[in-house]
């Protein structure tokens, strides 16, 4: 996104938090998120509408009125207010406007999870699902197929998720599969990052040679928090091929303290 769109998104996110934060209503936030995704589907199919909502020559009130006329009787009040606030902002391109609405829909669902007291659980479920997709190559390949029918892919993944995750996790993942940005693994991992960010945390993805207990994770979170200056969420998995130690990935930065990594570096030095 260009600067104007980033500013528009930030403003819209603040307004969303104000709109949904008043009564801390789980159902209101969840419905708003789902409704926003429905609006996104409409805009995806109509370029003229996308252009109309981002026409800076039109007064912001006119763009808000357009949202009322098109969607007022079809979506929840919370979703309508959020979309109107987004429409009133100035976006660089129609594509950015739609992308911004997707982000707002996801944020609404995450706020619903927060109101339900499940935001941390949703974060963990999303991380675990990204691990499953990383291991299940055939499933991930099917979900990555851009030529495959979206409804079929959603149905396939819904069968995998049914009864195993919260409704918020399921809704977020199914929507993500319908609108891929990178690949299923990275897209789901990005949702986990968003959940952590709402808790003012950064995810540290840890791969260790053995299982880390809660105490070890707490110590690691404290140490990493001092390094990065922010509270950390530790998401760990086991890989015995590391032989000992662990690797830690925070964003694009990787810390390799594994035995296998040390051996590889020694071999490189001796070559």
C-alpha atoms as a PDB file:
ATOM      1  CA  UNK A   1       0.000   0.000   0.000  1.00  0.00           C
ATOM      2  CA  UNK A   2       1.062   3.579  -0.684  1.00  0.00           C
ATOM      3  CA  UNK A   3       1.271   6.183   2.065  1.00  0.00           C
ATOM      4  CA  UNK A   4      -2.275   7.508   1.625  1.00  0.00           C
ATOM      5  CA  UNK A   5      -3.758   4.024   1.839  1.00  0.00           C
ATOM      6  CA  UNK A   6      -1.694   3.140   4.893  1.00  0.00           C
ATOM      7  CA  UNK A   7      -2.969   6.265   6.614  1.00  0.00           C
ATOM      8  CA  UNK A   8      -6.546   5.472   5.554  1.00  0.00           C
ATOM      9  CA  UNK A   9      -6.229   1.945   6.934  1.00  0.00           C
ATOM     10  CA  UNK A  10      -4.789   3.138  10.246  1.00  0.00           C
ATOM     11  CA  UNK A  11      -7.629   5.634  10.652  1.00  0.00           C
ATOM     12  CA  UNK A  12     -10.230   3.015   9.731  1.00  0.00           C
ATOM     13  CA  UNK A  13      -8.763   0.540  12.219  1.00  0.00           C
ATOM     14  CA  UNK A  14      -9.010   3.115  14.981  1.00  0.00           C
ATOM     15  CA  UNK A  15     -12.636   3.789  14.097  1.00  0.00           C
ATOM     16  CA  UNK A  16     -13.376   0.053  13.993  1.00  0.00           C
ATOM     17  CA  UNK A  17     -11.971  -0.351  17.499  1.00  0.00           C
ATOM     18  CA  UNK A  18     -14.165   2.521  18.697  1.00  0.00           C
ATOM     19  CA  UNK A  19     -17.285   1.140  17.012  1.00  0.00           C
ATOM     20  CA  UNK A  20     -16.821  -2.414  18.265  1.00  0.00           C
ATOM     21  CA  UNK A  21     -15.273  -1.578  21.616  1.00  0.00           C
ATOM     22  CA  UNK A  22     -18.251   0.222  23.103  1.00  0.00           C
ATOM     23  CA  UNK A  23     -20.273  -2.750  24.315  1.00  0.00           C
ATOM     24  CA  UNK A  24     -17.614  -5.457  24.019  1.00  0.00           C
ATOM     25  CA  UNK A  25     -20.212  -7.569  22.221  1.00  0.00           C
ATOM     26  CA  UNK A  26     -18.830 -10.796  20.773  1.00  0.00           C
ATOM     27  CA  UNK A  27     -21.724 -11.321  18.384  1.00  0.00           C
ATOM     28  CA  UNK A  28     -21.561  -7.739  17.089  1.00  0.00           C
ATOM     29  CA  UNK A  29     -17.865  -7.987  16.256  1.00  0.00           C
ATOM     30  CA  UNK A  30     -18.179 -11.440  14.690  1.00  0.00           C
ATOM     31  CA  UNK A  31     -21.128 -10.410  12.530  1.00  0.00           C
ATOM     32  CA  UNK A  32     -19.366  -7.215  11.476  1.00  0.00           C
ATOM     33  CA  UNK A  33     -16.361  -9.208  10.283  1.00  0.00           C
ATOM     34  CA  UNK A  34     -18.462 -11.663   8.299  1.00  0.00           C
ATOM     35  CA  UNK A  35     -20.543  -8.867   6.778  1.00  0.00           C
ATOM     36  CA  UNK A  36     -17.473  -6.933   5.686  1.00  0.00           C
ATOM     37  CA  UNK A  37     -16.252 -10.015   3.839  1.00  0.00           C
ATOM     38  CA  UNK A  38     -19.624 -10.186   2.055  1.00  0.00           C
ATOM     39  CA  UNK A  39     -19.168  -6.586   0.929  1.00  0.00           C
ATOM     40  CA  UNK A  40     -15.669  -7.430  -0.299  1.00  0.00           C
ATOM     41  CA  UNK A  41     -17.150 -10.179  -2.482  1.00  0.00           C
ATOM     42  CA  UNK A  42     -19.539  -7.637  -4.022  1.00  0.00           C
ATOM     43  CA  UNK A  43     -16.743  -5.161  -4.705  1.00  0.00           C
ATOM     44  CA  UNK A  44     -14.524  -7.857  -6.185  1.00  0.00           C
ATOM     45  CA  UNK A  45     -17.156  -8.454  -8.844  1.00  0.00           C
ATOM     46  CA  UNK A  46     -17.832  -4.787  -9.705  1.00  0.00           C
ATOM     47  CA  UNK A  47     -14.982  -2.525 -10.755  1.00  0.00           C
ATOM     48  CA  UNK A  48     -17.233   0.533 -11.130  1.00  0.00           C
ATOM     49  CA  UNK A  49     -18.245   0.264  -7.485  1.00  0.00           C
ATOM     50  CA  UNK A  50     -14.622   0.010  -6.378  1.00  0.00           C
ATOM     51  CA  UNK A  51     -13.824   3.146  -8.324  1.00  0.00           C
ATOM     52  CA  UNK A  52     -16.867   4.980  -6.946  1.00  0.00           C
ATOM     53  CA  UNK A  53     -15.835   4.290  -3.359  1.00  0.00           C
ATOM     54  CA  UNK A  54     -12.358   5.725  -3.951  1.00  0.00           C
ATOM     55  CA  UNK A  55     -13.306   8.725  -6.100  1.00  0.00           C
ATOM     56  CA  UNK A  56     -11.656  11.602  -4.251  1.00  0.00           C
ATOM     57  CA  UNK A  57     -13.599  14.051  -6.426  1.00  0.00           C
ATOM     58  CA  UNK A  58     -16.756  12.931  -4.620  1.00  0.00           C
ATOM     59  CA  UNK A  59     -17.368  14.323  -1.095  1.00  0.00           C
ATOM     60  CA  UNK A  60     -16.738  11.855   1.721  1.00  0.00           C
ATOM     61  CA  UNK A  61     -20.398  12.107   2.758  1.00  0.00           C
ATOM     62  CA  UNK A  62     -21.428  11.045  -0.739  1.00  0.00           C
ATOM     63  CA  UNK A  63     -19.251   7.950  -0.488  1.00  0.00           C
ATOM     64  CA  UNK A  64     -20.716   7.160   2.929  1.00  0.00           C
ATOM     65  CA  UNK A  65     -24.213   7.583   1.511  1.00  0.00           C
ATOM     66  CA  UNK A  66     -23.317   5.179  -1.294  1.00  0.00           C
ATOM     67  CA  UNK A  67     -22.453   2.539   1.310  1.00  0.00           C
ATOM     68  CA  UNK A  68     -25.775   3.170   3.061  1.00  0.00           C
ATOM     69  CA  UNK A  69     -27.732   2.877  -0.200  1.00  0.00           C
ATOM     70  CA  UNK A  70     -26.021  -0.327  -1.340  1.00  0.00           C
ATOM     71  CA  UNK A  71     -25.559  -2.218   1.904  1.00  0.00           C
ATOM     72  CA  UNK A  72     -27.649  -0.535   4.611  1.00  0.00           C
ATOM     73  CA  UNK A  73     -30.457  -3.083   4.589  1.00  0.00           C
ATOM     74  CA  UNK A  74     -28.216  -6.097   4.008  1.00  0.00           C
ATOM     75  CA  UNK A  75     -25.533  -5.939   6.678  1.00  0.00           C
ATOM     76  CA  UNK A  76     -25.273  -5.241  10.387  1.00  0.00           C
ATOM     77  CA  UNK A  77     -25.113  -1.688  11.713  1.00  0.00           C
ATOM     78  CA  UNK A  78     -21.585  -2.199  12.984  1.00  0.00           C
ATOM     79  CA  UNK A  79     -20.334  -3.406   9.599  1.00  0.00           C
ATOM     80  CA  UNK A  80     -22.063  -0.527   7.812  1.00  0.00           C
ATOM     81  CA  UNK A  81     -20.494   2.082  10.088  1.00  0.00           C
ATOM     82  CA  UNK A  82     -17.048   0.558   9.613  1.00  0.00           C
ATOM     83  CA  UNK A  83     -17.435   0.500   5.825  1.00  0.00           C
ATOM     84  CA  UNK A  84     -18.694   4.076   5.803  1.00  0.00           C
ATOM     85  CA  UNK A  85     -15.674   5.230   7.800  1.00  0.00           C
ATOM     86  CA  UNK A  86     -13.391   3.417   5.361  1.00  0.00           C
ATOM     87  CA  UNK A  87     -15.228   4.915   2.382  1.00  0.00           C
ATOM     88  CA  UNK A  88     -14.803   8.408   3.834  1.00  0.00           C
ATOM     89  CA  UNK A  89     -11.015   8.006   3.902  1.00  0.00           C
ATOM     90  CA  UNK A  90      -8.753   8.644   0.924  1.00  0.00           C
ATOM     91  CA  UNK A  91      -7.247   5.499  -0.603  1.00  0.00           C
ATOM     92  CA  UNK A  92      -4.535   5.469  -3.241  1.00  0.00           C
ATOM     93  CA  UNK A  93      -6.277   2.900  -5.450  1.00  0.00           C
ATOM     94  CA  UNK A  94      -9.546   0.918  -5.551  1.00  0.00           C
ATOM     95  CA  UNK A  95      -7.455  -2.216  -4.994  1.00  0.00           C
ATOM     96  CA  UNK A  96      -6.065  -0.769  -1.771  1.00  0.00           C
ATOM     97  CA  UNK A  97      -9.594   0.044  -0.597  1.00  0.00           C
ATOM     98  CA  UNK A  98     -10.704  -3.567  -1.014  1.00  0.00           C
ATOM     99  CA  UNK A  99      -7.507  -4.835   0.594  1.00  0.00           C
ATOM    100  CA  UNK A 100      -8.148  -2.458   3.471  1.00  0.00           C
ATOM    101  CA  UNK A 101     -11.667  -3.827   3.942  1.00  0.00           C
ATOM    102  CA  UNK A 102     -10.255  -7.351   4.093  1.00  0.00           C
ATOM    103  CA  UNK A 103      -7.901  -6.228   6.853  1.00  0.00           C
ATOM    104  CA  UNK A 104     -10.802  -4.580   8.695  1.00  0.00           C
ATOM    105  CA  UNK A 105     -12.930  -7.714   8.414  1.00  0.00           C
ATOM    106  CA  UNK A 106     -10.153  -9.779   9.909  1.00  0.00           C
ATOM    107  CA  UNK A 107      -9.610  -7.241  12.673  1.00  0.00           C
ATOM    108  CA  UNK A 108     -13.320  -7.321  13.534  1.00  0.00           C
ATOM    109  CA  UNK A 109     -13.194 -11.106  13.938  1.00  0.00           C
ATOM    110  CA  UNK A 110     -10.073 -10.847  16.080  1.00  0.00           C
ATOM    111  CA  UNK A 111     -11.788  -8.221  18.246  1.00  0.00           C
ATOM    112  CA  UNK A 112     -14.671 -10.663  18.617  1.00  0.00           C
ATOM    113  CA  UNK A 113     -12.243 -13.341  19.774  1.00  0.00           C
ATOM    114  CA  UNK A 114     -10.766 -10.840  22.211  1.00  0.00           C
ATOM    115  CA  UNK A 115     -14.212 -10.032  23.633  1.00  0.00           C
ATOM    116  CA  UNK A 116     -14.814 -13.773  24.001  1.00  0.00           C
ATOM    117  CA  UNK A 117     -11.503 -14.166  25.852  1.00  0.00           C
ATOM    118  CA  UNK A 118     -10.170 -16.379  23.045  1.00  0.00           C
ATOM    119  CA  UNK A 119      -7.663 -14.160  21.250  1.00  0.00           C
ATOM    120  CA  UNK A 120      -4.656 -16.030  22.628  1.00  0.00           C
ATOM    121  CA  UNK A 121      -6.283 -19.341  21.720  1.00  0.00           C
ATOM    122  CA  UNK A 122      -6.990 -18.126  18.185  1.00  0.00           C
ATOM    123  CA  UNK A 123      -3.352 -17.046  17.833  1.00  0.00           C
ATOM    124  CA  UNK A 124      -2.186 -20.504  18.911  1.00  0.00           C
ATOM    125  CA  UNK A 125      -4.687 -22.296  16.660  1.00  0.00           C
ATOM    126  CA  UNK A 126      -3.575 -20.289  13.648  1.00  0.00           C
ATOM    127  CA  UNK A 127       0.068 -21.078  14.355  1.00  0.00           C
ATOM    128  CA  UNK A 128      -0.671 -24.786  14.793  1.00  0.00           C
ATOM    129  CA  UNK A 129      -2.626 -24.823  11.542  1.00  0.00           C
ATOM    130  CA  UNK A 130       0.284 -23.219   9.673  1.00  0.00           C
ATOM    131  CA  UNK A 131       2.460 -26.066  10.992  1.00  0.00           C
ATOM    132  CA  UNK A 132      -0.044 -28.675   9.818  1.00  0.00           C
ATOM    133  CA  UNK A 133      -0.152 -27.132   6.358  1.00  0.00           C
ATOM    134  CA  UNK A 134       3.642 -27.120   6.277  1.00  0.00           C
ATOM    135  CA  UNK A 135       3.634 -30.874   6.917  1.00  0.00           C
ATOM    136  CA  UNK A 136       0.672 -31.772   4.711  1.00  0.00           C
ATOM    137  CA  UNK A 137       2.079 -31.056   1.264  1.00  0.00           C
ATOM    138  CA  UNK A 138      -0.841 -32.544  -0.685  1.00  0.00           C
ATOM    139  CA  UNK A 139      -3.443 -30.498   1.203  1.00  0.00           C
ATOM    140  CA  UNK A 140      -1.403 -27.323   0.882  1.00  0.00           C
ATOM    141  CA  UNK A 141      -0.927 -27.921  -2.835  1.00  0.00           C
ATOM    142  CA  UNK A 142      -4.672 -28.269  -3.323  1.00  0.00           C
ATOM    143  CA  UNK A 143      -5.336 -25.081  -1.362  1.00  0.00           C
ATOM    144  CA  UNK A 144      -2.632 -23.241  -3.327  1.00  0.00           C
ATOM    145  CA  UNK A 145      -4.191 -24.052  -6.696  1.00  0.00           C
ATOM    146  CA  UNK A 146      -5.366 -20.664  -8.040  1.00  0.00           C
ATOM    147  CA  UNK A 147      -7.422 -22.411 -10.738  1.00  0.00           C
ATOM    148  CA  UNK A 148      -9.411 -24.505  -8.257  1.00  0.00           C
ATOM    149  CA  UNK A 149     -12.918 -23.469  -7.226  1.00  0.00           C
ATOM    150  CA  UNK A 150     -12.829 -21.375  -4.038  1.00  0.00           C
ATOM    151  CA  UNK A 151     -15.957 -23.016  -2.633  1.00  0.00           C
ATOM    152  CA  UNK A 152     -14.393 -26.454  -3.057  1.00  0.00           C
ATOM    153  CA  UNK A 153     -11.203 -25.360  -1.285  1.00  0.00           C
ATOM    154  CA  UNK A 154     -13.205 -23.825   1.560  1.00  0.00           C
ATOM    155  CA  UNK A 155     -15.238 -27.004   1.887  1.00  0.00           C
ATOM    156  CA  UNK A 156     -12.113 -29.143   1.982  1.00  0.00           C
ATOM    157  CA  UNK A 157     -10.519 -27.039   4.705  1.00  0.00           C
ATOM    158  CA  UNK A 158     -13.777 -26.675   6.638  1.00  0.00           C
ATOM    159  CA  UNK A 159     -13.891 -30.464   6.984  1.00  0.00           C
ATOM    160  CA  UNK A 160     -10.382 -30.391   8.445  1.00  0.00           C
ATOM    161  CA  UNK A 161     -11.199 -27.593  10.893  1.00  0.00           C
ATOM    162  CA  UNK A 162     -14.728 -28.538  11.949  1.00  0.00           C
ATOM    163  CA  UNK A 163     -15.036 -28.917  15.710  1.00  0.00           C
ATOM    164  CA  UNK A 164     -11.300 -28.488  16.263  1.00  0.00           C
ATOM    165  CA  UNK A 165     -10.896 -24.709  16.395  1.00  0.00           C
ATOM    166  CA  UNK A 166     -12.882 -21.676  17.512  1.00  0.00           C
ATOM    167  CA  UNK A 167     -15.409 -20.139  15.137  1.00  0.00           C
ATOM    168  CA  UNK A 168     -13.108 -17.116  14.796  1.00  0.00           C
ATOM    169  CA  UNK A 169     -10.162 -19.202  13.635  1.00  0.00           C
ATOM    170  CA  UNK A 170     -12.332 -21.087  11.164  1.00  0.00           C
ATOM    171  CA  UNK A 171     -13.826 -17.896   9.692  1.00  0.00           C
ATOM    172  CA  UNK A 172     -10.421 -16.224   9.367  1.00  0.00           C
ATOM    173  CA  UNK A 173      -8.798 -19.202   7.692  1.00  0.00           C
ATOM    174  CA  UNK A 174     -11.626 -19.882   5.265  1.00  0.00           C
ATOM    175  CA  UNK A 175     -11.644 -16.237   4.196  1.00  0.00           C
ATOM    176  CA  UNK A 176      -7.877 -16.295   3.788  1.00  0.00           C
ATOM    177  CA  UNK A 177      -8.068 -19.336   1.515  1.00  0.00           C
ATOM    178  CA  UNK A 178     -10.623 -17.509  -0.635  1.00  0.00           C
ATOM    179  CA  UNK A 179      -8.304 -14.493  -1.029  1.00  0.00           C
ATOM    180  CA  UNK A 180      -4.730 -15.827  -1.115  1.00  0.00           C
ATOM    181  CA  UNK A 181      -1.943 -13.282  -0.807  1.00  0.00           C
ATOM    182  CA  UNK A 182       1.126 -15.531  -0.740  1.00  0.00           C
ATOM    183  CA  UNK A 183       0.548 -19.218   0.023  1.00  0.00           C
ATOM    184  CA  UNK A 184      -1.653 -20.985   2.605  1.00  0.00           C
ATOM    185  CA  UNK A 185       1.182 -21.523   5.078  1.00  0.00           C
ATOM    186  CA  UNK A 186       2.381 -17.917   5.092  1.00  0.00           C
ATOM    187  CA  UNK A 187      -1.134 -16.471   4.901  1.00  0.00           C
ATOM    188  CA  UNK A 188      -2.282 -18.391   7.977  1.00  0.00           C
ATOM    189  CA  UNK A 189       0.951 -17.529   9.797  1.00  0.00           C
ATOM    190  CA  UNK A 190       0.314 -13.854   8.989  1.00  0.00           C
ATOM    191  CA  UNK A 191      -3.103 -14.119  10.649  1.00  0.00           C
ATOM    192  CA  UNK A 192      -1.387 -15.454  13.773  1.00  0.00           C
ATOM    193  CA  UNK A 193       0.930 -12.431  13.666  1.00  0.00           C
ATOM    194  CA  UNK A 194      -2.125 -10.139  13.518  1.00  0.00           C
ATOM    195  CA  UNK A 195      -3.640 -11.851  16.555  1.00  0.00           C
ATOM    196  CA  UNK A 196      -0.388 -11.422  18.476  1.00  0.00           C
ATOM    197  CA  UNK A 197      -0.101  -7.787  17.420  1.00  0.00           C
ATOM    198  CA  UNK A 198      -3.522  -6.990  18.907  1.00  0.00           C
ATOM    199  CA  UNK A 199      -2.154  -8.289  22.195  1.00  0.00           C
ATOM    200  CA  UNK A 200       0.914  -6.041  21.818  1.00  0.00           C
ATOM    201  CA  UNK A 201       3.064  -9.107  21.287  1.00  0.00           C
ATOM    202  CA  UNK A 202       5.482 -10.355  18.651  1.00  0.00           C
ATOM    203  CA  UNK A 203       5.631 -14.031  17.725  1.00  0.00           C
ATOM    204  CA  UNK A 204       8.883 -15.918  18.108  1.00  0.00           C
ATOM    205  CA  UNK A 205       8.764 -19.147  16.111  1.00  0.00           C
ATOM    206  CA  UNK A 206      10.997 -21.601  17.916  1.00  0.00           C
ATOM    207  CA  UNK A 207      12.160 -24.958  16.599  1.00  0.00           C
ATOM    208  CA  UNK A 208      13.869 -27.002  19.303  1.00  0.00           C
ATOM    209  CA  UNK A 209      15.513 -30.410  19.434  1.00  0.00           C
ATOM    210  CA  UNK A 210      13.198 -31.344  22.315  1.00  0.00           C
ATOM    211  CA  UNK A 211       9.898 -30.240  23.798  1.00  0.00           C
ATOM    212  CA  UNK A 212      10.019 -26.954  25.725  1.00  0.00           C
ATOM    213  CA  UNK A 213       8.053 -26.884  28.976  1.00  0.00           C
ATOM    214  CA  UNK A 214       6.115 -23.832  30.161  1.00  0.00           C
ATOM    215  CA  UNK A 215       8.954 -22.667  32.384  1.00  0.00           C
ATOM    216  CA  UNK A 216      11.477 -22.808  29.553  1.00  0.00           C
ATOM    217  CA  UNK A 217       9.121 -20.936  27.265  1.00  0.00           C
ATOM    218  CA  UNK A 218       8.576 -18.240  29.887  1.00  0.00           C
ATOM    219  CA  UNK A 219      12.343 -17.756  30.359  1.00  0.00           C
ATOM    220  CA  UNK A 220      12.858 -17.607  26.591  1.00  0.00           C
ATOM    221  CA  UNK A 221      10.013 -15.096  26.197  1.00  0.00           C
ATOM    222  CA  UNK A 222      11.586 -12.871  28.860  1.00  0.00           C
ATOM    223  CA  UNK A 223      15.026 -12.971  27.240  1.00  0.00           C
ATOM    224  CA  UNK A 224      13.673 -12.252  23.763  1.00  0.00           C
ATOM    225  CA  UNK A 225      11.481  -9.503  25.153  1.00  0.00           C
ATOM    226  CA  UNK A 226      14.578  -7.731  26.452  1.00  0.00           C
ATOM    227  CA  UNK A 227      16.291  -8.107  23.080  1.00  0.00           C
ATOM    228  CA  UNK A 228      13.401  -6.869  20.969  1.00  0.00           C
ATOM    229  CA  UNK A 229      11.842  -4.491  23.468  1.00  0.00           C
ATOM    230  CA  UNK A 230       8.395  -6.030  23.247  1.00  0.00           C
ATOM    231  CA  UNK A 231       6.397  -8.823  24.871  1.00  0.00           C
ATOM    232  CA  UNK A 232       6.813 -12.096  22.993  1.00  0.00           C
ATOM    233  CA  UNK A 233       4.573 -15.039  22.166  1.00  0.00           C
ATOM    234  CA  UNK A 234       6.544 -18.275  21.967  1.00  0.00           C
ATOM    235  CA  UNK A 235       5.308 -20.803  19.417  1.00  0.00           C
ATOM    236  CA  UNK A 236       7.439 -23.915  19.463  1.00  0.00           C
ATOM    237  CA  UNK A 237       7.775 -27.168  17.578  1.00  0.00           C
ATOM    238  CA  UNK A 238      10.163 -30.102  17.825  1.00  0.00           C
ATOM    239  CA  UNK A 239      12.724 -31.126  15.210  1.00  0.00           C
ATOM    240  CA  UNK A 240      15.085 -33.833  16.451  1.00  0.00           C
ATOM    241  CA  UNK A 241      17.369 -33.329  13.431  1.00  0.00           C
ATOM    242  CA  UNK A 242      18.668 -30.192  15.167  1.00  0.00           C
ATOM    243  CA  UNK A 243      20.487 -32.602  17.543  1.00  0.00           C
ATOM    244  CA  UNK A 244      20.407 -30.018  20.333  1.00  0.00           C
ATOM    245  CA  UNK A 245      19.602 -26.368  21.007  1.00  0.00           C
ATOM    246  CA  UNK A 246      17.082 -24.437  18.932  1.00  0.00           C
ATOM    247  CA  UNK A 247      16.479 -21.991  16.122  1.00  0.00           C
ATOM    248  CA  UNK A 248      14.409 -18.845  16.683  1.00  0.00           C
ATOM    249  CA  UNK A 249      12.710 -16.786  13.993  1.00  0.00           C
ATOM    250  CA  UNK A 250      11.317 -13.350  14.779  1.00  0.00           C
ATOM    251  CA  UNK A 251      10.022 -11.700  11.633  1.00  0.00           C
ATOM    252  CA  UNK A 252      12.768 -12.048   9.011  1.00  0.00           C
ATOM    253  CA  UNK A 253      15.527 -12.515  11.594  1.00  0.00           C
ATOM    254  CA  UNK A 254      16.740 -16.026  12.409  1.00  0.00           C
ATOM    255  CA  UNK A 255      18.878 -16.973  15.408  1.00  0.00           C
ATOM    256  CA  UNK A 256      20.436 -20.404  14.940  1.00  0.00           C
ATOM    257  CA  UNK A 257      21.632 -21.838  18.230  1.00  0.00           C
ATOM    258  CA  UNK A 258      21.137 -25.462  17.230  1.00  0.00           C
ATOM    259  CA  UNK A 259      23.842 -28.131  17.376  1.00  0.00           C
ATOM    260  CA  UNK A 260      23.225 -28.962  13.712  1.00  0.00           C
ATOM    261  CA  UNK A 261      23.721 -25.304  12.828  1.00  0.00           C
ATOM    262  CA  UNK A 262      26.981 -25.110  14.756  1.00  0.00           C
ATOM    263  CA  UNK A 263      28.281 -28.227  13.013  1.00  0.00           C
ATOM    264  CA  UNK A 264      27.354 -26.809   9.624  1.00  0.00           C
ATOM    265  CA  UNK A 265      29.182 -23.561  10.389  1.00  0.00           C
ATOM    266  CA  UNK A 266      32.302 -25.476  11.538  1.00  0.00           C
ATOM    267  CA  UNK A 267      32.280 -27.518   8.332  1.00  0.00           C
ATOM    268  CA  UNK A 268      32.010 -24.315   6.287  1.00  0.00           C
ATOM    269  CA  UNK A 269      34.982 -22.793   8.122  1.00  0.00           C
ATOM    270  CA  UNK A 270      37.103 -25.921   7.566  1.00  0.00           C
ATOM    271  CA  UNK A 271      36.227 -26.254   3.877  1.00  0.00           C
END
